[in-house]
Structures are given as C-alpha cells and as structure tokens.
Amino acid sequence: MSEAYRVLKRGGRLLVLEFSEVEMPLLDRFYDQWSFKAIPRFGKMITGDAEPYQYLVESIRKFPNQGDFAKMISNAGFSRVTFTNYSGGIAALHSGWKL
C-alpha cells in the first residue's frame, strides 16, 4: 500500500476490487463450500489443471477482511478510505485518496 501511495499523484485515487469475507449468514457457509469444491473442478474442466484454482480459493481466505484491509490502506497514508461490499461481501471495492 505504501508503494501505491508513493506512485500516485496528489489528488489520485486508489481503487482495489478484491474477493473478501462474506458477511451474510448462510451465504458464508454456502460460498465456502462452493468455492472450495466447485472452483477447482471448473478450473480443471476448462484448463485441465485444478491446482491454480485451489490456490486461488486458499489465497482468498488468507487475504485481510474488509476492515483490516481498509486500515492497511489508511495506515499507508490514504485519506477518505471506504469500502463497499458486493454480493454479501464476496467481493469488496476499497477506495482511498492521496490528498
């Protein structure tokens, strides 16, 4: 985040769209099961290799949740940091300004 802050011009805006922590009860369980079982299978059917898609699912789980990631953006120096959840938190768009 500090490198993104460094390279942005004053008045620039950082936007990050990431898979995030699901915040809707029941959807979180469904998405967890679906992503671990279906995404690698679809990946294997399409590309012949499930391993990169298994890694993708695992890396999503290790990524900071929305609040923690927003703090990281703020700690890097960005102002007016916000995030918006989409699809119950499956994805989130984070925003910060270099003022």
PDB file of N, CA and C in Angstrom:
ATOM      1  N   MET A   1       0.816  -1.185   0.000  1.00  0.00           N
ATOM      2  CA  MET A   1       0.000   0.000   0.000  1.00  0.00           C
ATOM      3  C   MET A   1       0.868   1.261   0.000  1.00  0.00           C
ATOM      4  N   SER A   2       1.989   1.199   0.712  1.00  0.00           N
ATOM      5  CA  SER A   2       2.853   2.379   0.742  1.00  0.00           C
ATOM      6  C   SER A   2       3.433   2.672  -0.639  1.00  0.00           C
ATOM      7  N   GLU A   3       3.698   1.638  -1.418  1.00  0.00           N
ATOM      8  CA  GLU A   3       4.214   1.852  -2.776  1.00  0.00           C
ATOM      9  C   GLU A   3       3.130   2.455  -3.670  1.00  0.00           C
ATOM     10  N   ALA A   4       1.891   2.011  -3.520  1.00  0.00           N
ATOM     11  CA  ALA A   4       0.786   2.603  -4.271  1.00  0.00           C
ATOM     12  C   ALA A   4       0.637   4.074  -3.897  1.00  0.00           C
ATOM     13  N   TYR A   5       0.760   4.373  -2.603  1.00  0.00           N
ATOM     14  CA  TYR A   5       0.670   5.760  -2.155  1.00  0.00           C
ATOM     15  C   TYR A   5       1.804   6.590  -2.756  1.00  0.00           C
ATOM     16  N   ARG A   6       2.995   6.033  -2.776  1.00  0.00           N
ATOM     17  CA  ARG A   6       4.161   6.746  -3.289  1.00  0.00           C
ATOM     18  C   ARG A   6       4.004   7.117  -4.759  1.00  0.00           C
ATOM     19  N   VAL A   7       3.492   6.205  -5.582  1.00  0.00           N
ATOM     20  CA  VAL A   7       3.458   6.450  -7.026  1.00  0.00           C
ATOM     21  C   VAL A   7       2.251   7.261  -7.481  1.00  0.00           C
ATOM     22  N   LEU A   8       1.214   7.361  -6.653  1.00  0.00           N
ATOM     23  CA  LEU A   8       0.063   8.178  -7.039  1.00  0.00           C
ATOM     24  C   LEU A   8       0.381   9.660  -6.916  1.00  0.00           C
ATOM     25  N   LYS A   9      -0.146  10.431  -7.851  1.00  0.00           N
ATOM     26  CA  LYS A   9      -0.024  11.885  -7.754  1.00  0.00           C
ATOM     27  C   LYS A   9      -0.995  12.384  -6.688  1.00  0.00           C
ATOM     28  N   ARG A  10      -0.693  13.565  -6.159  1.00  0.00           N
ATOM     29  CA  ARG A  10      -1.604  14.208  -5.210  1.00  0.00           C
ATOM     30  C   ARG A  10      -2.965  14.364  -5.881  1.00  0.00           C
ATOM     31  N   GLY A  11      -4.015  13.979  -5.176  1.00  0.00           N
ATOM     32  CA  GLY A  11      -5.364  14.005  -5.737  1.00  0.00           C
ATOM     33  C   GLY A  11      -5.745  12.686  -6.400  1.00  0.00           C
ATOM     34  N   GLY A  12      -4.791  11.750  -6.458  1.00  0.00           N
ATOM     35  CA  GLY A  12      -5.050  10.447  -7.072  1.00  0.00           C
ATOM     36  C   GLY A  12      -5.884   9.556  -6.168  1.00  0.00           C
ATOM     37  N   ARG A  13      -6.533   8.598  -6.790  1.00  0.00           N
ATOM     38  CA  ARG A  13      -7.419   7.701  -6.053  1.00  0.00           C
ATOM     39  C   ARG A  13      -6.991   6.252  -6.263  1.00  0.00           C
ATOM     40  N   LEU A  14      -6.930   5.523  -5.191  1.00  0.00           N
ATOM     41  CA  LEU A  14      -6.654   4.095  -5.217  1.00  0.00           C
ATOM     42  C   LEU A  14      -7.983   3.355  -5.183  1.00  0.00           C
ATOM     43  N   LEU A  15      -8.171   2.414  -6.100  1.00  0.00           N
ATOM     44  CA  LEU A  15      -9.344   1.539  -6.094  1.00  0.00           C
ATOM     45  C   LEU A  15      -8.851   0.102  -6.160  1.00  0.00           C
ATOM     46  N   VAL A  16      -9.321  -0.729  -5.239  1.00  0.00           N
ATOM     47  CA  VAL A  16      -8.927  -2.131  -5.190  1.00  0.00           C
ATOM     48  C   VAL A  16     -10.186  -2.977  -5.074  1.00  0.00           C
ATOM     49  N   LEU A  17     -10.397  -3.853  -6.056  1.00  0.00           N
ATOM     50  CA  LEU A  17     -11.520  -4.784  -6.020  1.00  0.00           C
ATOM     51  C   LEU A  17     -10.953  -6.156  -5.678  1.00  0.00           C
ATOM     52  N   GLU A  18     -11.415  -6.714  -4.565  1.00  0.00           N
ATOM     53  CA  GLU A  18     -10.884  -7.989  -4.075  1.00  0.00           C
ATOM     54  C   GLU A  18     -12.012  -8.904  -3.620  1.00  0.00           C
ATOM     55  N   PHE A  19     -11.754 -10.211  -3.706  1.00  0.00           N
ATOM     56  CA  PHE A  19     -12.619 -11.153  -3.020  1.00  0.00           C
ATOM     57  C   PHE A  19     -12.435 -10.913  -1.532  1.00  0.00           C
ATOM     58  N   SER A  20     -13.512 -10.997  -0.769  1.00  0.00           N
ATOM     59  CA  SER A  20     -13.458 -10.614   0.635  1.00  0.00           C
ATOM     60  C   SER A  20     -14.184 -11.605   1.518  1.00  0.00           C
ATOM     61  N   GLU A  21     -14.377 -11.196   2.760  1.00  0.00           N
ATOM     62  CA  GLU A  21     -15.042 -12.027   3.752  1.00  0.00           C
ATOM     63  C   GLU A  21     -16.555 -11.871   3.620  1.00  0.00           C
ATOM     64  N   VAL A  22     -17.233 -12.987   3.408  1.00  0.00           N
ATOM     65  CA  VAL A  22     -18.689 -12.964   3.273  1.00  0.00           C
ATOM     66  C   VAL A  22     -19.301 -12.613   4.617  1.00  0.00           C
ATOM     67  N   GLU A  23     -20.222 -11.659   4.609  1.00  0.00           N
ATOM     68  CA  GLU A  23     -20.796 -11.156   5.852  1.00  0.00           C
ATOM     69  C   GLU A  23     -22.267 -11.501   6.029  1.00  0.00           C
ATOM     70  N   MET A  24     -22.792 -12.369   5.191  1.00  0.00           N
ATOM     71  CA  MET A  24     -24.202 -12.759   5.311  1.00  0.00           C
ATOM     72  C   MET A  24     -24.289 -14.182   5.850  1.00  0.00           C
ATOM     73  N   PRO A  25     -24.974 -14.369   6.976  1.00  0.00           N
ATOM     74  CA  PRO A  25     -25.153 -15.728   7.497  1.00  0.00           C
ATOM     75  C   PRO A  25     -25.792 -16.634   6.436  1.00  0.00           C
ATOM     76  N   LEU A  26     -25.438 -17.848   6.435  1.00  0.00           N
ATOM     77  CA  LEU A  26     -25.839 -18.882   5.480  1.00  0.00           C
ATOM     78  C   LEU A  26     -25.108 -18.733   4.148  1.00  0.00           C
ATOM     79  N   LEU A  27     -25.072 -17.534   3.589  1.00  0.00           N
ATOM     80  CA  LEU A  27     -24.322 -17.342   2.346  1.00  0.00           C
ATOM     81  C   LEU A  27     -22.850 -17.650   2.578  1.00  0.00           C
ATOM     82  N   ASP A  28     -22.327 -17.290   3.750  1.00  0.00           N
ATOM     83  CA  ASP A  28     -20.917 -17.556   4.027  1.00  0.00           C
ATOM     84  C   ASP A  28     -20.617 -19.049   3.981  1.00  0.00           C
ATOM     85  N   ARG A  29     -21.487 -19.874   4.542  1.00  0.00           N
ATOM     86  CA  ARG A  29     -21.279 -21.335   4.520  1.00  0.00           C
ATOM     87  C   ARG A  29     -21.416 -21.899   3.111  1.00  0.00           C
ATOM     88  N   PHE A  30     -22.444 -21.438   2.410  1.00  0.00           N
ATOM     89  CA  PHE A  30     -22.665 -21.904   1.041  1.00  0.00           C
ATOM     90  C   PHE A  30     -21.467 -21.527   0.163  1.00  0.00           C
ATOM     91  N   TYR A  31     -21.040 -20.285   0.231  1.00  0.00           N
ATOM     92  CA  TYR A  31     -19.928 -19.816  -0.598  1.00  0.00           C
ATOM     93  C   TYR A  31     -18.645 -20.564  -0.251  1.00  0.00           C
ATOM     94  N   ASP A  32     -18.414 -20.820   1.013  1.00  0.00           N
ATOM     95  CA  ASP A  32     -17.216 -21.540   1.430  1.00  0.00           C
ATOM     96  C   ASP A  32     -17.197 -22.939   0.815  1.00  0.00           C
ATOM     97  N   GLN A  33     -18.292 -23.656   0.930  1.00  0.00           N
ATOM     98  CA  GLN A  33     -18.371 -24.993   0.348  1.00  0.00           C
ATOM     99  C   GLN A  33     -18.262 -24.951  -1.172  1.00  0.00           C
ATOM    100  N   TRP A  34     -18.993 -24.037  -1.771  1.00  0.00           N
ATOM    101  CA  TRP A  34     -18.991 -23.938  -3.229  1.00  0.00           C
ATOM    102  C   TRP A  34     -17.606 -23.594  -3.753  1.00  0.00           C
ATOM    103  N   SER A  35     -16.963 -22.619  -3.155  1.00  0.00           N
ATOM    104  CA  SER A  35     -15.675 -22.179  -3.688  1.00  0.00           C
ATOM    105  C   SER A  35     -14.612 -23.257  -3.553  1.00  0.00           C
ATOM    106  N   PHE A  36     -14.579 -23.968  -2.440  1.00  0.00           N
ATOM    107  CA  PHE A  36     -13.553 -24.995  -2.253  1.00  0.00           C
ATOM    108  C   PHE A  36     -13.796 -26.229  -3.123  1.00  0.00           C
ATOM    109  N   LYS A  37     -15.058 -26.517  -3.424  1.00  0.00           N
ATOM    110  CA  LYS A  37     -15.352 -27.715  -4.215  1.00  0.00           C
ATOM    111  C   LYS A  37     -15.544 -27.422  -5.692  1.00  0.00           C
ATOM    112  N   ALA A  38     -16.261 -26.363  -6.024  1.00  0.00           N
ATOM    113  CA  ALA A  38     -16.630 -26.114  -7.418  1.00  0.00           C
ATOM    114  C   ALA A  38     -15.567 -25.375  -8.221  1.00  0.00           C
ATOM    115  N   ILE A  39     -14.946 -24.358  -7.644  1.00  0.00           N
ATOM    116  CA  ILE A  39     -13.992 -23.564  -8.419  1.00  0.00           C
ATOM    117  C   ILE A  39     -12.830 -24.409  -8.939  1.00  0.00           C
ATOM    118  N   PRO A  40     -12.182 -25.237  -8.099  1.00  0.00           N
ATOM    119  CA  PRO A  40     -11.116 -26.087  -8.645  1.00  0.00           C
ATOM    120  C   PRO A  40     -11.615 -27.079  -9.708  1.00  0.00           C
ATOM    121  N   ARG A  41     -12.818 -27.603  -9.536  1.00  0.00           N
ATOM    122  CA  ARG A  41     -13.378 -28.531 -10.542  1.00  0.00           C
ATOM    123  C   ARG A  41     -13.607 -27.831 -11.869  1.00  0.00           C
ATOM    124  N   PHE A  42     -14.204 -26.629 -11.821  1.00  0.00           N
ATOM    125  CA  PHE A  42     -14.415 -25.873 -13.055  1.00  0.00           C
ATOM    126  C   PHE A  42     -13.074 -25.531 -13.708  1.00  0.00           C
ATOM    127  N   GLY A  43     -12.109 -25.152 -12.886  1.00  0.00           N
ATOM    128  CA  GLY A  43     -10.784 -24.854 -13.415  1.00  0.00           C
ATOM    129  C   GLY A  43     -10.176 -26.037 -14.135  1.00  0.00           C
ATOM    130  N   LYS A  44     -10.329 -27.210 -13.555  1.00  0.00           N
ATOM    131  CA  LYS A  44      -9.783 -28.423 -14.183  1.00  0.00           C
ATOM    132  C   LYS A  44     -10.517 -28.740 -15.480  1.00  0.00           C
ATOM    133  N   MET A  45     -11.838 -28.574 -15.489  1.00  0.00           N
ATOM    134  CA  MET A  45     -12.609 -28.844 -16.711  1.00  0.00           C
ATOM    135  C   MET A  45     -12.204 -27.897 -17.840  1.00  0.00           C
ATOM    136  N   ILE A  46     -11.946 -26.647 -17.491  1.00  0.00           N
ATOM    137  CA  ILE A  46     -11.650 -25.638 -18.516  1.00  0.00           C
ATOM    138  C   ILE A  46     -10.188 -25.669 -18.943  1.00  0.00           C
ATOM    139  N   THR A  47      -9.284 -25.778 -17.979  1.00  0.00           N
ATOM    140  CA  THR A  47      -7.854 -25.660 -18.292  1.00  0.00           C
ATOM    141  C   THR A  47      -7.088 -26.969 -18.163  1.00  0.00           C
ATOM    142  N   GLY A  48      -7.718 -27.965 -17.545  1.00  0.00           N
ATOM    143  CA  GLY A  48      -7.030 -29.225 -17.327  1.00  0.00           C
ATOM    144  C   GLY A  48      -6.205 -29.265 -16.061  1.00  0.00           C
ATOM    145  N   ASP A  49      -6.249 -28.197 -15.263  1.00  0.00           N
ATOM    146  CA  ASP A  49      -5.432 -28.121 -14.047  1.00  0.00           C
ATOM    147  C   ASP A  49      -6.233 -27.467 -12.926  1.00  0.00           C
ATOM    148  N   ALA A  50      -6.463 -28.203 -11.849  1.00  0.00           N
ATOM    149  CA  ALA A  50      -7.240 -27.681 -10.716  1.00  0.00           C
ATOM    150  C   ALA A  50      -6.365 -26.927  -9.718  1.00  0.00           C
ATOM    151  N   GLU A  51      -5.073 -27.216  -9.694  1.00  0.00           N
ATOM    152  CA  GLU A  51      -4.191 -26.684  -8.650  1.00  0.00           C
ATOM    153  C   GLU A  51      -4.170 -25.151  -8.565  1.00  0.00           C
ATOM    154  N   PRO A  52      -4.062 -24.413  -9.679  1.00  0.00           N
ATOM    155  CA  PRO A  52      -4.074 -22.947  -9.552  1.00  0.00           C
ATOM    156  C   PRO A  52      -5.379 -22.411  -8.969  1.00  0.00           C
ATOM    157  N   TYR A  53      -6.469 -23.095  -9.232  1.00  0.00           N
ATOM    158  CA  TYR A  53      -7.765 -22.644  -8.738  1.00  0.00           C
ATOM    159  C   TYR A  53      -7.939 -22.994  -7.260  1.00  0.00           C
ATOM    160  N   GLN A  54      -7.330 -24.078  -6.831  1.00  0.00           N
ATOM    161  CA  GLN A  54      -7.303 -24.405  -5.401  1.00  0.00           C
ATOM    162  C   GLN A  54      -6.486 -23.347  -4.666  1.00  0.00           C
ATOM    163  N   TYR A  55      -5.353 -22.962  -5.259  1.00  0.00           N
ATOM    164  CA  TYR A  55      -4.523 -21.908  -4.668  1.00  0.00           C
ATOM    165  C   TYR A  55      -5.304 -20.593  -4.585  1.00  0.00           C
ATOM    166  N   LEU A  56      -6.059 -20.273  -5.635  1.00  0.00           N
ATOM    167  CA  LEU A  56      -6.861 -19.046  -5.638  1.00  0.00           C
ATOM    168  C   LEU A  56      -7.827 -19.032  -4.463  1.00  0.00           C
ATOM    169  N   VAL A  57      -8.559 -20.125  -4.277  1.00  0.00           N
ATOM    170  CA  VAL A  57      -9.531 -20.206  -3.189  1.00  0.00           C
ATOM    171  C   VAL A  57      -8.835 -20.062  -1.835  1.00  0.00           C
ATOM    172  N   GLU A  58      -7.706 -20.725  -1.665  1.00  0.00           N
ATOM    173  CA  GLU A  58      -6.977 -20.644  -0.400  1.00  0.00           C
ATOM    174  C   GLU A  58      -6.428 -19.235  -0.162  1.00  0.00           C
ATOM    175  N   SER A  59      -5.951 -18.580  -1.219  1.00  0.00           N
ATOM    176  CA  SER A  59      -5.402 -17.233  -1.044  1.00  0.00           C
ATOM    177  C   SER A  59      -6.485 -16.214  -0.697  1.00  0.00           C
ATOM    178  N   ILE A  60      -7.692 -16.439  -1.194  1.00  0.00           N
ATOM    179  CA  ILE A  60      -8.810 -15.554  -0.836  1.00  0.00           C
ATOM    180  C   ILE A  60      -9.057 -15.607   0.669  1.00  0.00           C
ATOM    181  N   ARG A  61      -8.972 -16.800   1.246  1.00  0.00           N
ATOM    182  CA  ARG A  61      -9.200 -16.968   2.686  1.00  0.00           C
ATOM    183  C   ARG A  61      -8.118 -16.289   3.521  1.00  0.00           C
ATOM    184  N   LYS A  62      -6.919 -16.163   2.978  1.00  0.00           N
ATOM    185  CA  LYS A  62      -5.807 -15.565   3.725  1.00  0.00           C
ATOM    186  C   LYS A  62      -5.771 -14.045   3.608  1.00  0.00           C
ATOM    187  N   PHE A  63      -6.504 -13.488   2.652  1.00  0.00           N
ATOM    188  CA  PHE A  63      -6.494 -12.041   2.445  1.00  0.00           C
ATOM    189  C   PHE A  63      -7.183 -11.362   3.622  1.00  0.00           C
ATOM    190  N   PRO A  64      -6.703 -10.191   4.049  1.00  0.00           N
ATOM    191  CA  PRO A  64      -7.337  -9.485   5.173  1.00  0.00           C
ATOM    192  C   PRO A  64      -8.818  -9.207   4.901  1.00  0.00           C
ATOM    193  N   ASN A  65      -9.615  -9.211   5.957  1.00  0.00           N
ATOM    194  CA  ASN A  65     -11.029  -8.871   5.779  1.00  0.00           C
ATOM    195  C   ASN A  65     -11.161  -7.389   5.439  1.00  0.00           C
ATOM    196  N   GLN A  66     -12.373  -6.979   5.147  1.00  0.00           N
ATOM    197  CA  GLN A  66     -12.607  -5.621   4.658  1.00  0.00           C
ATOM    198  C   GLN A  66     -12.094  -4.544   5.623  1.00  0.00           C
ATOM    199  N   GLY A  67     -12.412  -4.680   6.890  1.00  0.00           N
ATOM    200  CA  GLY A  67     -11.987  -3.674   7.866  1.00  0.00           C
ATOM    201  C   GLY A  67     -10.481  -3.621   8.023  1.00  0.00           C
ATOM    202  N   ASP A  68      -9.841  -4.782   8.075  1.00  0.00           N
ATOM    203  CA  ASP A  68      -8.384  -4.824   8.216  1.00  0.00           C
ATOM    204  C   ASP A  68      -7.689  -4.257   6.986  1.00  0.00           C
ATOM    205  N   PHE A  69      -8.219  -4.572   5.799  1.00  0.00           N
ATOM    206  CA  PHE A  69      -7.605  -4.045   4.575  1.00  0.00           C
ATOM    207  C   PHE A  69      -7.781  -2.528   4.499  1.00  0.00           C
ATOM    208  N   ALA A  70      -8.945  -2.031   4.917  1.00  0.00           N
ATOM    209  CA  ALA A  70      -9.164  -0.580   4.945  1.00  0.00           C
ATOM    210  C   ALA A  70      -8.164   0.097   5.886  1.00  0.00           C
ATOM    211  N   LYS A  71      -7.865  -0.542   7.022  1.00  0.00           N
ATOM    212  CA  LYS A  71      -6.864   0.011   7.946  1.00  0.00           C
ATOM    213  C   LYS A  71      -5.481   0.033   7.312  1.00  0.00           C
ATOM    214  N   MET A  72      -5.153  -1.004   6.545  1.00  0.00           N
ATOM    215  CA  MET A  72      -3.862  -1.038   5.864  1.00  0.00           C
ATOM    216  C   MET A  72      -3.744   0.117   4.868  1.00  0.00           C
ATOM    217  N   ILE A  73      -4.820   0.389   4.158  1.00  0.00           N
ATOM    218  CA  ILE A  73      -4.832   1.495   3.191  1.00  0.00           C
ATOM    219  C   ILE A  73      -4.663   2.814   3.928  1.00  0.00           C
ATOM    220  N   SER A  74      -5.398   2.986   5.006  1.00  0.00           N
ATOM    221  CA  SER A  74      -5.303   4.203   5.811  1.00  0.00           C
ATOM    222  C   SER A  74      -3.914   4.369   6.417  1.00  0.00           C
ATOM    223  N   ASN A  75      -3.344   3.286   6.931  1.00  0.00           N
ATOM    224  CA  ASN A  75      -2.005   3.336   7.536  1.00  0.00           C
ATOM    225  C   ASN A  75      -0.917   3.683   6.532  1.00  0.00           C
ATOM    226  N   ALA A  76      -1.191   3.431   5.248  1.00  0.00           N
ATOM    227  CA  ALA A  76      -0.224   3.777   4.207  1.00  0.00           C
ATOM    228  C   ALA A  76      -0.269   5.266   3.879  1.00  0.00           C
ATOM    229  N   GLY A  77      -1.255   5.993   4.434  1.00  0.00           N
ATOM    230  CA  GLY A  77      -1.323   7.434   4.230  1.00  0.00           C
ATOM    231  C   GLY A  77      -2.537   7.910   3.461  1.00  0.00           C
ATOM    232  N   PHE A  78      -3.346   7.005   2.964  1.00  0.00           N
ATOM    233  CA  PHE A  78      -4.519   7.405   2.189  1.00  0.00           C
ATOM    234  C   PHE A  78      -5.583   8.013   3.093  1.00  0.00           C
ATOM    235  N   SER A  79      -6.364   8.937   2.530  1.00  0.00           N
ATOM    236  CA  SER A  79      -7.447   9.611   3.241  1.00  0.00           C
ATOM    237  C   SER A  79      -8.784   9.154   2.676  1.00  0.00           C
ATOM    238  N   ARG A  80      -9.846   9.461   3.427  1.00  0.00           N
ATOM    239  CA  ARG A  80     -11.215   9.146   2.998  1.00  0.00           C
ATOM    240  C   ARG A  80     -11.322   7.701   2.518  1.00  0.00           C
ATOM    241  N   VAL A  81     -10.803   6.786   3.306  1.00  0.00           N
ATOM    242  CA  VAL A  81     -10.804   5.365   2.964  1.00  0.00           C
ATOM    243  C   VAL A  81     -12.193   4.781   3.219  1.00  0.00           C
ATOM    244  N   THR A  82     -12.719   4.101   2.224  1.00  0.00           N
ATOM    245  CA  THR A  82     -14.022   3.451   2.338  1.00  0.00           C
ATOM    246  C   THR A  82     -13.964   2.101   1.626  1.00  0.00           C
ATOM    247  N   PHE A  83     -14.979   1.290   1.897  1.00  0.00           N
ATOM    248  CA  PHE A  83     -15.163   0.084   1.089  1.00  0.00           C
ATOM    249  C   PHE A  83     -16.645  -0.189   0.945  1.00  0.00           C
ATOM    250  N   THR A  84     -17.000  -0.832  -0.158  1.00  0.00           N
ATOM    251  CA  THR A  84     -18.370  -1.216  -0.441  1.00  0.00           C
ATOM    252  C   THR A  84     -18.386  -2.706  -0.722  1.00  0.00           C
ATOM    253  N   ASN A  85     -19.238  -3.432   0.002  1.00  0.00           N
ATOM    254  CA  ASN A  85     -19.387  -4.864  -0.222  1.00  0.00           C
ATOM    255  C   ASN A  85     -20.331  -5.122  -1.380  1.00  0.00           C
ATOM    256  N   TYR A  86     -20.025  -6.149  -2.130  1.00  0.00           N
ATOM    257  CA  TYR A  86     -20.894  -6.619  -3.205  1.00  0.00           C
ATOM    258  C   TYR A  86     -21.190  -8.089  -2.965  1.00  0.00           C
ATOM    259  N   SER A  87     -22.388  -8.496  -3.300  1.00  0.00           N
ATOM    260  CA  SER A  87     -22.824  -9.894  -3.156  1.00  0.00           C
ATOM    261  C   SER A  87     -22.589 -10.404  -1.739  1.00  0.00           C
ATOM    262  N   GLY A  88     -22.998  -9.622  -0.766  1.00  0.00           N
ATOM    263  CA  GLY A  88     -22.898 -10.037   0.625  1.00  0.00           C
ATOM    264  C   GLY A  88     -21.487 -10.074   1.175  1.00  0.00           C
ATOM    265  N   GLY A  89     -20.557  -9.445   0.471  1.00  0.00           N
ATOM    266  CA  GLY A  89     -19.172  -9.434   0.929  1.00  0.00           C
ATOM    267  C   GLY A  89     -18.278 -10.399   0.161  1.00  0.00           C
ATOM    268  N   ILE A  90     -18.827 -11.118  -0.818  1.00  0.00           N
ATOM    269  CA  ILE A  90     -17.982 -11.994  -1.628  1.00  0.00           C
ATOM    270  C   ILE A  90     -16.880 -11.168  -2.273  1.00  0.00           C
ATOM    271  N   ALA A  91     -17.220  -9.969  -2.691  1.00  0.00           N
ATOM    272  CA  ALA A  91     -16.232  -9.037  -3.223  1.00  0.00           C
ATOM    273  C   ALA A  91     -16.433  -7.688  -2.546  1.00  0.00           C
ATOM    274  N   ALA A  92     -15.372  -6.898  -2.490  1.00  0.00           N
ATOM    275  CA  ALA A  92     -15.451  -5.551  -1.917  1.00  0.00           C
ATOM    276  C   ALA A  92     -14.581  -4.614  -2.727  1.00  0.00           C
ATOM    277  N   LEU A  93     -15.077  -3.405  -2.926  1.00  0.00           N
ATOM    278  CA  LEU A  93     -14.319  -2.362  -3.610  1.00  0.00           C
ATOM    279  C   LEU A  93     -13.833  -1.377  -2.561  1.00  0.00           C
ATOM    280  N   HIS A  94     -12.506  -1.246  -2.445  1.00  0.00           N
ATOM    281  CA  HIS A  94     -11.883  -0.335  -1.492  1.00  0.00           C
ATOM    282  C   HIS A  94     -11.431   0.923  -2.222  1.00  0.00           C
ATOM    283  N   SER A  95     -11.525   2.039  -1.536  1.00  0.00           N
ATOM    284  CA  SER A  95     -11.173   3.321  -2.129  1.00  0.00           C
ATOM    285  C   SER A  95     -10.381   4.156  -1.109  1.00  0.00           C
ATOM    286  N   GLY A  96      -9.397   4.861  -1.594  1.00  0.00           N
ATOM    287  CA  GLY A  96      -8.648   5.799  -0.776  1.00  0.00           C
ATOM    288  C   GLY A  96      -8.065   6.882  -1.636  1.00  0.00           C
ATOM    289  N   TRP A  97      -7.914   8.056  -1.081  1.00  0.00           N
ATOM    290  CA  TRP A  97      -7.424   9.213  -1.817  1.00  0.00           C
ATOM    291  C   TRP A  97      -6.067   9.671  -1.277  1.00  0.00           C
ATOM    292  N   LYS A  98      -5.205  10.097  -2.170  1.00  0.00           N
ATOM    293  CA  LYS A  98      -3.950  10.739  -1.759  1.00  0.00           C
ATOM    294  C   LYS A  98      -4.211  12.238  -1.847  1.00  0.00           C
ATOM    295  N   LEU A  99      -4.408  12.842  -0.676  1.00  0.00           N
ATOM    296  CA  LEU A  99      -4.728  14.280  -0.632  1.00  0.00           C
ATOM    297  C   LEU A  99      -3.538  15.097  -0.184  1.00  0.00           C
TER     298      LEU A  99
END
